[in-house]
Amino acid sequence: MRCFGSLAAIGPGTQRMELPEGAGVADVLARLALPEGVEAMPMLDGGPAAPASPLRDGAVLDLLPIVEGG
């Protein structure tokens, strides 16, 4: 797992996690316990992912901060 942008200050920049078989993106987000109001866009192995997306051994999960503005 890698946290980018403002998320790097909240979570570890890069971290390996051991998760039970059948774990998904939502399990990683729950373990991180991001502060209220902080949202992350998950990217799994270089593509978009949903919280329900399953993880496989060796998967790379990137968490990108969601920003607004123009």
PDB file of N, CA and C in Angstrom:
ATOM      1  N   MET A   1       0.832  -1.152   0.000  1.00  0.00           N
ATOM      2  CA  MET A   1       0.000   0.000   0.000  1.00  0.00           C
ATOM      3  C   MET A   1       0.890   1.233   0.000  1.00  0.00           C
ATOM      4  N   ARG A   2       0.457   2.206  -0.799  1.00  0.00           N
ATOM      5  CA  ARG A   2       1.191   3.468  -0.852  1.00  0.00           C
ATOM      6  C   ARG A   2       0.193   4.612  -0.717  1.00  0.00           C
ATOM      7  N   CYS A   3       0.513   5.577   0.125  1.00  0.00           N
ATOM      8  CA  CYS A   3      -0.317   6.765   0.312  1.00  0.00           C
ATOM      9  C   CYS A   3       0.381   7.938  -0.360  1.00  0.00           C
ATOM     10  N   PHE A   4      -0.385   8.715  -1.127  1.00  0.00           N
ATOM     11  CA  PHE A   4       0.191   9.838  -1.862  1.00  0.00           C
ATOM     12  C   PHE A   4      -0.411  11.153  -1.408  1.00  0.00           C
ATOM     13  N   GLY A   5       0.276  12.237  -1.747  1.00  0.00           N
ATOM     14  CA  GLY A   5      -0.210  13.577  -1.457  1.00  0.00           C
ATOM     15  C   GLY A   5      -0.442  13.790   0.024  1.00  0.00           C
ATOM     16  N   SER A   6      -1.565  14.427   0.344  1.00  0.00           N
ATOM     17  CA  SER A   6      -1.873  14.728   1.740  1.00  0.00           C
ATOM     18  C   SER A   6      -2.094  13.469   2.570  1.00  0.00           C
ATOM     19  N   LEU A   7      -2.408  12.358   1.939  1.00  0.00           N
ATOM     20  CA  LEU A   7      -2.602  11.106   2.676  1.00  0.00           C
ATOM     21  C   LEU A   7      -1.290  10.567   3.240  1.00  0.00           C
ATOM     22  N   ALA A   8      -0.172  10.939   2.648  1.00  0.00           N
ATOM     23  CA  ALA A   8       1.123  10.467   3.143  1.00  0.00           C
ATOM     24  C   ALA A   8       1.394  10.994   4.547  1.00  0.00           C
ATOM     25  N   ALA A   9       0.815  12.156   4.892  1.00  0.00           N
ATOM     26  CA  ALA A   9       0.993  12.705   6.234  1.00  0.00           C
ATOM     27  C   ALA A   9       0.116  11.977   7.257  1.00  0.00           C
ATOM     28  N   ILE A  10      -0.959  11.354   6.784  1.00  0.00           N
ATOM     29  CA  ILE A  10      -1.889  10.658   7.676  1.00  0.00           C
ATOM     30  C   ILE A  10      -1.488   9.206   7.866  1.00  0.00           C
ATOM     31  N   GLY A  11      -1.224   8.545   6.764  1.00  0.00           N
ATOM     32  CA  GLY A  11      -0.842   7.138   6.805  1.00  0.00           C
ATOM     33  C   GLY A  11       0.600   6.997   6.396  1.00  0.00           C
ATOM     34  N   PRO A  12       1.111   5.804   6.432  1.00  0.00           N
ATOM     35  CA  PRO A  12       2.498   5.588   6.020  1.00  0.00           C
ATOM     36  C   PRO A  12       2.638   5.826   4.534  1.00  0.00           C
ATOM     37  N   GLY A  13       3.778   6.349   4.112  1.00  0.00           N
ATOM     38  CA  GLY A  13       4.015   6.560   2.688  1.00  0.00           C
ATOM     39  C   GLY A  13       3.921   5.255   1.920  1.00  0.00           C
ATOM     40  N   THR A  14       4.585   4.231   2.402  1.00  0.00           N
ATOM     41  CA  THR A  14       4.528   2.889   1.815  1.00  0.00           C
ATOM     42  C   THR A  14       4.524   1.885   2.949  1.00  0.00           C
ATOM     43  N   GLN A  15       3.659   0.896   2.842  1.00  0.00           N
ATOM     44  CA  GLN A  15       3.553  -0.097   3.912  1.00  0.00           C
ATOM     45  C   GLN A  15       3.099  -1.431   3.343  1.00  0.00           C
ATOM     46  N   ARG A  16       3.653  -2.496   3.888  1.00  0.00           N
ATOM     47  CA  ARG A  16       3.185  -3.844   3.576  1.00  0.00           C
ATOM     48  C   ARG A  16       2.197  -4.245   4.654  1.00  0.00           C
ATOM     49  N   MET A  17       1.113  -4.872   4.256  1.00  0.00           N
ATOM     50  CA  MET A  17       0.106  -5.322   5.218  1.00  0.00           C
ATOM     51  C   MET A  17      -0.154  -6.803   5.023  1.00  0.00           C
ATOM     52  N   GLU A  18      -0.290  -7.479   6.115  1.00  0.00           N
ATOM     53  CA  GLU A  18      -0.726  -8.873   6.093  1.00  0.00           C
ATOM     54  C   GLU A  18      -2.216  -8.863   6.391  1.00  0.00           C
ATOM     55  N   LEU A  19      -3.005  -9.374   5.475  1.00  0.00           N
ATOM     56  CA  LEU A  19      -4.447  -9.399   5.627  1.00  0.00           C
ATOM     57  C   LEU A  19      -4.944 -10.823   5.470  1.00  0.00           C
ATOM     58  N   PRO A  20      -6.087 -11.134   6.049  1.00  0.00           N
ATOM     59  CA  PRO A  20      -6.628 -12.479   5.905  1.00  0.00           C
ATOM     60  C   PRO A  20      -7.083 -12.735   4.464  1.00  0.00           C
ATOM     61  N   GLU A  21      -7.108 -13.978   4.091  1.00  0.00           N
ATOM     62  CA  GLU A  21      -7.576 -14.345   2.756  1.00  0.00           C
ATOM     63  C   GLU A  21      -9.002 -13.837   2.573  1.00  0.00           C
ATOM     64  N   GLY A  22      -9.283 -13.321   1.398  1.00  0.00           N
ATOM     65  CA  GLY A  22     -10.598 -12.780   1.112  1.00  0.00           C
ATOM     66  C   GLY A  22     -10.745 -11.308   1.452  1.00  0.00           C
ATOM     67  N   ALA A  23      -9.675 -10.685   1.951  1.00  0.00           N
ATOM     68  CA  ALA A  23      -9.728  -9.265   2.304  1.00  0.00           C
ATOM     69  C   ALA A  23      -9.852  -8.415   1.047  1.00  0.00           C
ATOM     70  N   GLY A  24     -10.408  -7.232   1.223  1.00  0.00           N
ATOM     71  CA  GLY A  24     -10.581  -6.319   0.107  1.00  0.00           C
ATOM     72  C   GLY A  24     -10.096  -4.923   0.450  1.00  0.00           C
ATOM     73  N   VAL A  25     -10.295  -4.033  -0.483  1.00  0.00           N
ATOM     74  CA  VAL A  25      -9.874  -2.641  -0.310  1.00  0.00           C
ATOM     75  C   VAL A  25     -10.501  -2.041   0.944  1.00  0.00           C
ATOM     76  N   ALA A  26     -11.759  -2.335   1.207  1.00  0.00           N
ATOM     77  CA  ALA A  26     -12.437  -1.797   2.392  1.00  0.00           C
ATOM     78  C   ALA A  26     -11.728  -2.209   3.679  1.00  0.00           C
ATOM     79  N   ASP A  27     -11.151  -3.400   3.714  1.00  0.00           N
ATOM     80  CA  ASP A  27     -10.428  -3.858   4.905  1.00  0.00           C
ATOM     81  C   ASP A  27      -9.181  -3.003   5.153  1.00  0.00           C
ATOM     82  N   VAL A  28      -8.499  -2.623   4.092  1.00  0.00           N
ATOM     83  CA  VAL A  28      -7.320  -1.763   4.231  1.00  0.00           C
ATOM     84  C   VAL A  28      -7.749  -0.381   4.736  1.00  0.00           C
ATOM     85  N   LEU A  29      -8.802   0.164   4.140  1.00  0.00           N
ATOM     86  CA  LEU A  29      -9.283   1.480   4.560  1.00  0.00           C
ATOM     87  C   LEU A  29      -9.716   1.465   6.025  1.00  0.00           C
ATOM     88  N   ALA A  30     -10.352   0.392   6.449  1.00  0.00           N
ATOM     89  CA  ALA A  30     -10.773   0.283   7.854  1.00  0.00           C
ATOM     90  C   ALA A  30      -9.570   0.214   8.781  1.00  0.00           C
ATOM     91  N   ARG A  31      -8.544  -0.498   8.368  1.00  0.00           N
ATOM     92  CA  ARG A  31      -7.344  -0.623   9.197  1.00  0.00           C
ATOM     93  C   ARG A  31      -6.617   0.713   9.319  1.00  0.00           C
ATOM     94  N   LEU A  32      -6.654   1.505   8.258  1.00  0.00           N
ATOM     95  CA  LEU A  32      -5.997   2.818   8.298  1.00  0.00           C
ATOM     96  C   LEU A  32      -6.733   3.792   9.202  1.00  0.00           C
ATOM     97  N   ALA A  33      -8.042   3.653   9.313  1.00  0.00           N
ATOM     98  CA  ALA A  33      -8.866   4.544  10.135  1.00  0.00           C
ATOM     99  C   ALA A  33      -8.574   6.007   9.808  1.00  0.00           C
ATOM    100  N   LEU A  34      -8.821   6.382   8.560  1.00  0.00           N
ATOM    101  CA  LEU A  34      -8.612   7.767   8.151  1.00  0.00           C
ATOM    102  C   LEU A  34      -9.501   8.690   8.969  1.00  0.00           C
ATOM    103  N   PRO A  35      -9.020   9.879   9.284  1.00  0.00           N
ATOM    104  CA  PRO A  35      -9.819  10.826  10.065  1.00  0.00           C
ATOM    105  C   PRO A  35     -11.130  11.186   9.364  1.00  0.00           C
ATOM    106  N   GLU A  36     -12.112  11.590  10.134  1.00  0.00           N
ATOM    107  CA  GLU A  36     -13.417  12.006   9.614  1.00  0.00           C
ATOM    108  C   GLU A  36     -13.238  13.059   8.525  1.00  0.00           C
ATOM    109  N   GLY A  37     -13.897  12.883   7.411  1.00  0.00           N
ATOM    110  CA  GLY A  37     -13.847  13.845   6.318  1.00  0.00           C
ATOM    111  C   GLY A  37     -12.712  13.638   5.334  1.00  0.00           C
ATOM    112  N   VAL A  38     -11.766  12.770   5.653  1.00  0.00           N
ATOM    113  CA  VAL A  38     -10.658  12.492   4.737  1.00  0.00           C
ATOM    114  C   VAL A  38     -11.070  11.334   3.840  1.00  0.00           C
ATOM    115  N   GLU A  39     -11.004  11.546   2.534  1.00  0.00           N
ATOM    116  CA  GLU A  39     -11.385  10.513   1.584  1.00  0.00           C
ATOM    117  C   GLU A  39     -10.201  10.154   0.711  1.00  0.00           C
ATOM    118  N   ALA A  40     -10.194   8.913   0.269  1.00  0.00           N
ATOM    119  CA  ALA A  40      -9.117   8.433  -0.585  1.00  0.00           C
ATOM    120  C   ALA A  40      -9.712   7.714  -1.787  1.00  0.00           C
ATOM    121  N   MET A  41      -9.077   7.892  -2.937  1.00  0.00           N
ATOM    122  CA  MET A  41      -9.460   7.160  -4.136  1.00  0.00           C
ATOM    123  C   MET A  41      -8.500   5.979  -4.271  1.00  0.00           C
ATOM    124  N   PRO A  42      -9.018   4.753  -4.148  1.00  0.00           N
ATOM    125  CA  PRO A  42      -8.138   3.593  -4.259  1.00  0.00           C
ATOM    126  C   PRO A  42      -7.849   3.221  -5.707  1.00  0.00           C
ATOM    127  N   MET A  43      -6.605   2.892  -5.951  1.00  0.00           N
ATOM    128  CA  MET A  43      -6.164   2.374  -7.245  1.00  0.00           C
ATOM    129  C   MET A  43      -5.475   1.039  -6.961  1.00  0.00           C
ATOM    130  N   LEU A  44      -5.946  -0.006  -7.589  1.00  0.00           N
ATOM    131  CA  LEU A  44      -5.427  -1.347  -7.338  1.00  0.00           C
ATOM    132  C   LEU A  44      -4.654  -1.831  -8.555  1.00  0.00           C
ATOM    133  N   ASP A  45      -3.374  -2.087  -8.359  1.00  0.00           N
ATOM    134  CA  ASP A  45      -2.493  -2.523  -9.438  1.00  0.00           C
ATOM    135  C   ASP A  45      -2.592  -1.622 -10.672  1.00  0.00           C
ATOM    136  N   GLY A  46      -2.679  -0.310 -10.416  1.00  0.00           N
ATOM    137  CA  GLY A  46      -2.659   0.672 -11.489  1.00  0.00           C
ATOM    138  C   GLY A  46      -4.008   1.036 -12.073  1.00  0.00           C
ATOM    139  N   GLY A  47      -5.081   0.417 -11.619  1.00  0.00           N
ATOM    140  CA  GLY A  47      -6.409   0.728 -12.130  1.00  0.00           C
ATOM    141  C   GLY A  47      -7.351   1.108 -11.010  1.00  0.00           C
ATOM    142  N   PRO A  48      -8.474   1.725 -11.364  1.00  0.00           N
ATOM    143  CA  PRO A  48      -9.424   2.135 -10.333  1.00  0.00           C
ATOM    144  C   PRO A  48      -9.982   0.933  -9.574  1.00  0.00           C
ATOM    145  N   ALA A  49     -10.292   1.139  -8.308  1.00  0.00           N
ATOM    146  CA  ALA A  49     -10.820   0.065  -7.464  1.00  0.00           C
ATOM    147  C   ALA A  49     -11.953   0.605  -6.607  1.00  0.00           C
ATOM    148  N   ALA A  50     -12.858  -0.268  -6.256  1.00  0.00           N
ATOM    149  CA  ALA A  50     -13.959   0.056  -5.350  1.00  0.00           C
ATOM    150  C   ALA A  50     -13.636  -0.529  -3.981  1.00  0.00           C
ATOM    151  N   PRO A  51     -14.303  -0.056  -2.927  1.00  0.00           N
ATOM    152  CA  PRO A  51     -14.072  -0.651  -1.606  1.00  0.00           C
ATOM    153  C   PRO A  51     -14.309  -2.166  -1.582  1.00  0.00           C
ATOM    154  N   ALA A  52     -15.206  -2.652  -2.412  1.00  0.00           N
ATOM    155  CA  ALA A  52     -15.503  -4.087  -2.434  1.00  0.00           C
ATOM    156  C   ALA A  52     -14.502  -4.899  -3.260  1.00  0.00           C
ATOM    157  N   SER A  53     -13.555  -4.229  -3.919  1.00  0.00           N
ATOM    158  CA  SER A  53     -12.585  -4.949  -4.752  1.00  0.00           C
ATOM    159  C   SER A  53     -11.736  -5.881  -3.898  1.00  0.00           C
ATOM    160  N   PRO A  54     -11.618  -7.151  -4.311  1.00  0.00           N
ATOM    161  CA  PRO A  54     -10.801  -8.096  -3.553  1.00  0.00           C
ATOM    162  C   PRO A  54      -9.309  -7.853  -3.803  1.00  0.00           C
ATOM    163  N   LEU A  55      -8.508  -8.219  -2.821  1.00  0.00           N
ATOM    164  CA  LEU A  55      -7.057  -8.126  -2.951  1.00  0.00           C
ATOM    165  C   LEU A  55      -6.480  -9.513  -3.188  1.00  0.00           C
ATOM    166  N   ARG A  56      -5.401  -9.568  -3.916  1.00  0.00           N
ATOM    167  CA  ARG A  56      -4.688 -10.824  -4.121  1.00  0.00           C
ATOM    168  C   ARG A  56      -3.299 -10.679  -3.523  1.00  0.00           C
ATOM    169  N   ASP A  57      -2.637 -11.769  -3.305  1.00  0.00           N
ATOM    170  CA  ASP A  57      -1.287 -11.736  -2.756  1.00  0.00           C
ATOM    171  C   ASP A  57      -0.375 -10.931  -3.676  1.00  0.00           C
ATOM    172  N   GLY A  58       0.323  -9.977  -3.111  1.00  0.00           N
ATOM    173  CA  GLY A  58       1.258  -9.159  -3.880  1.00  0.00           C
ATOM    174  C   GLY A  58       0.623  -7.957  -4.561  1.00  0.00           C
ATOM    175  N   ALA A  59      -0.664  -7.714  -4.342  1.00  0.00           N
ATOM    176  CA  ALA A  59      -1.337  -6.571  -4.961  1.00  0.00           C
ATOM    177  C   ALA A  59      -0.732  -5.266  -4.446  1.00  0.00           C
ATOM    178  N   VAL A  60      -0.774  -4.238  -5.296  1.00  0.00           N
ATOM    179  CA  VAL A  60      -0.313  -2.913  -4.907  1.00  0.00           C
ATOM    180  C   VAL A  60      -1.531  -2.001  -4.868  1.00  0.00           C
ATOM    181  N   LEU A  61      -1.815  -1.477  -3.691  1.00  0.00           N
ATOM    182  CA  LEU A  61      -2.939  -0.566  -3.502  1.00  0.00           C
ATOM    183  C   LEU A  61      -2.388   0.829  -3.284  1.00  0.00           C
ATOM    184  N   ASP A  62      -2.751   1.747  -4.175  1.00  0.00           N
ATOM    185  CA  ASP A  62      -2.370   3.148  -4.046  1.00  0.00           C
ATOM    186  C   ASP A  62      -3.581   3.915  -3.546  1.00  0.00           C
ATOM    187  N   LEU A  63      -3.381   4.785  -2.587  1.00  0.00           N
ATOM    188  CA  LEU A  63      -4.452   5.654  -2.079  1.00  0.00           C
ATOM    189  C   LEU A  63      -4.125   7.092  -2.434  1.00  0.00           C
ATOM    190  N   LEU A  64      -4.994   7.682  -3.233  1.00  0.00           N
ATOM    191  CA  LEU A  64      -4.792   9.047  -3.699  1.00  0.00           C
ATOM    192  C   LEU A  64      -5.792   9.962  -3.009  1.00  0.00           C
ATOM    193  N   PRO A  65      -5.372  11.145  -2.588  1.00  0.00           N
ATOM    194  CA  PRO A  65      -6.315  12.059  -1.949  1.00  0.00           C
ATOM    195  C   PRO A  65      -7.322  12.571  -2.970  1.00  0.00           C
ATOM    196  N   ILE A  66      -8.548  12.754  -2.534  1.00  0.00           N
ATOM    197  CA  ILE A  66      -9.583  13.336  -3.381  1.00  0.00           C
ATOM    198  C   ILE A  66      -9.546  14.842  -3.136  1.00  0.00           C
ATOM    199  N   VAL A  67      -9.353  15.585  -4.211  1.00  0.00           N
ATOM    200  CA  VAL A  67      -9.274  17.035  -4.094  1.00  0.00           C
ATOM    201  C   VAL A  67     -10.368  17.646  -4.961  1.00  0.00           C
ATOM    202  N   GLU A  68     -10.805  18.814  -4.585  1.00  0.00           N
ATOM    203  CA  GLU A  68     -11.802  19.546  -5.342  1.00  0.00           C
ATOM    204  C   GLU A  68     -11.244  20.922  -5.648  1.00  0.00           C
ATOM    205  N   GLY A  69     -11.782  21.517  -6.632  1.00  0.00           N
ATOM    206  CA  GLY A  69     -11.356  22.856  -6.978  1.00  0.00           C
ATOM    207  C   GLY A  69     -11.339  23.032  -8.480  1.00  0.00           C
ATOM    208  N   GLY A  70     -10.835  24.127  -8.897  1.00  0.00           N
ATOM    209  CA  GLY A  70     -10.844  24.353 -10.326  1.00  0.00           C
ATOM    210  C   GLY A  70      -9.860  25.384 -10.733  1.00  0.00           C
TER     211      GLY A  70
END
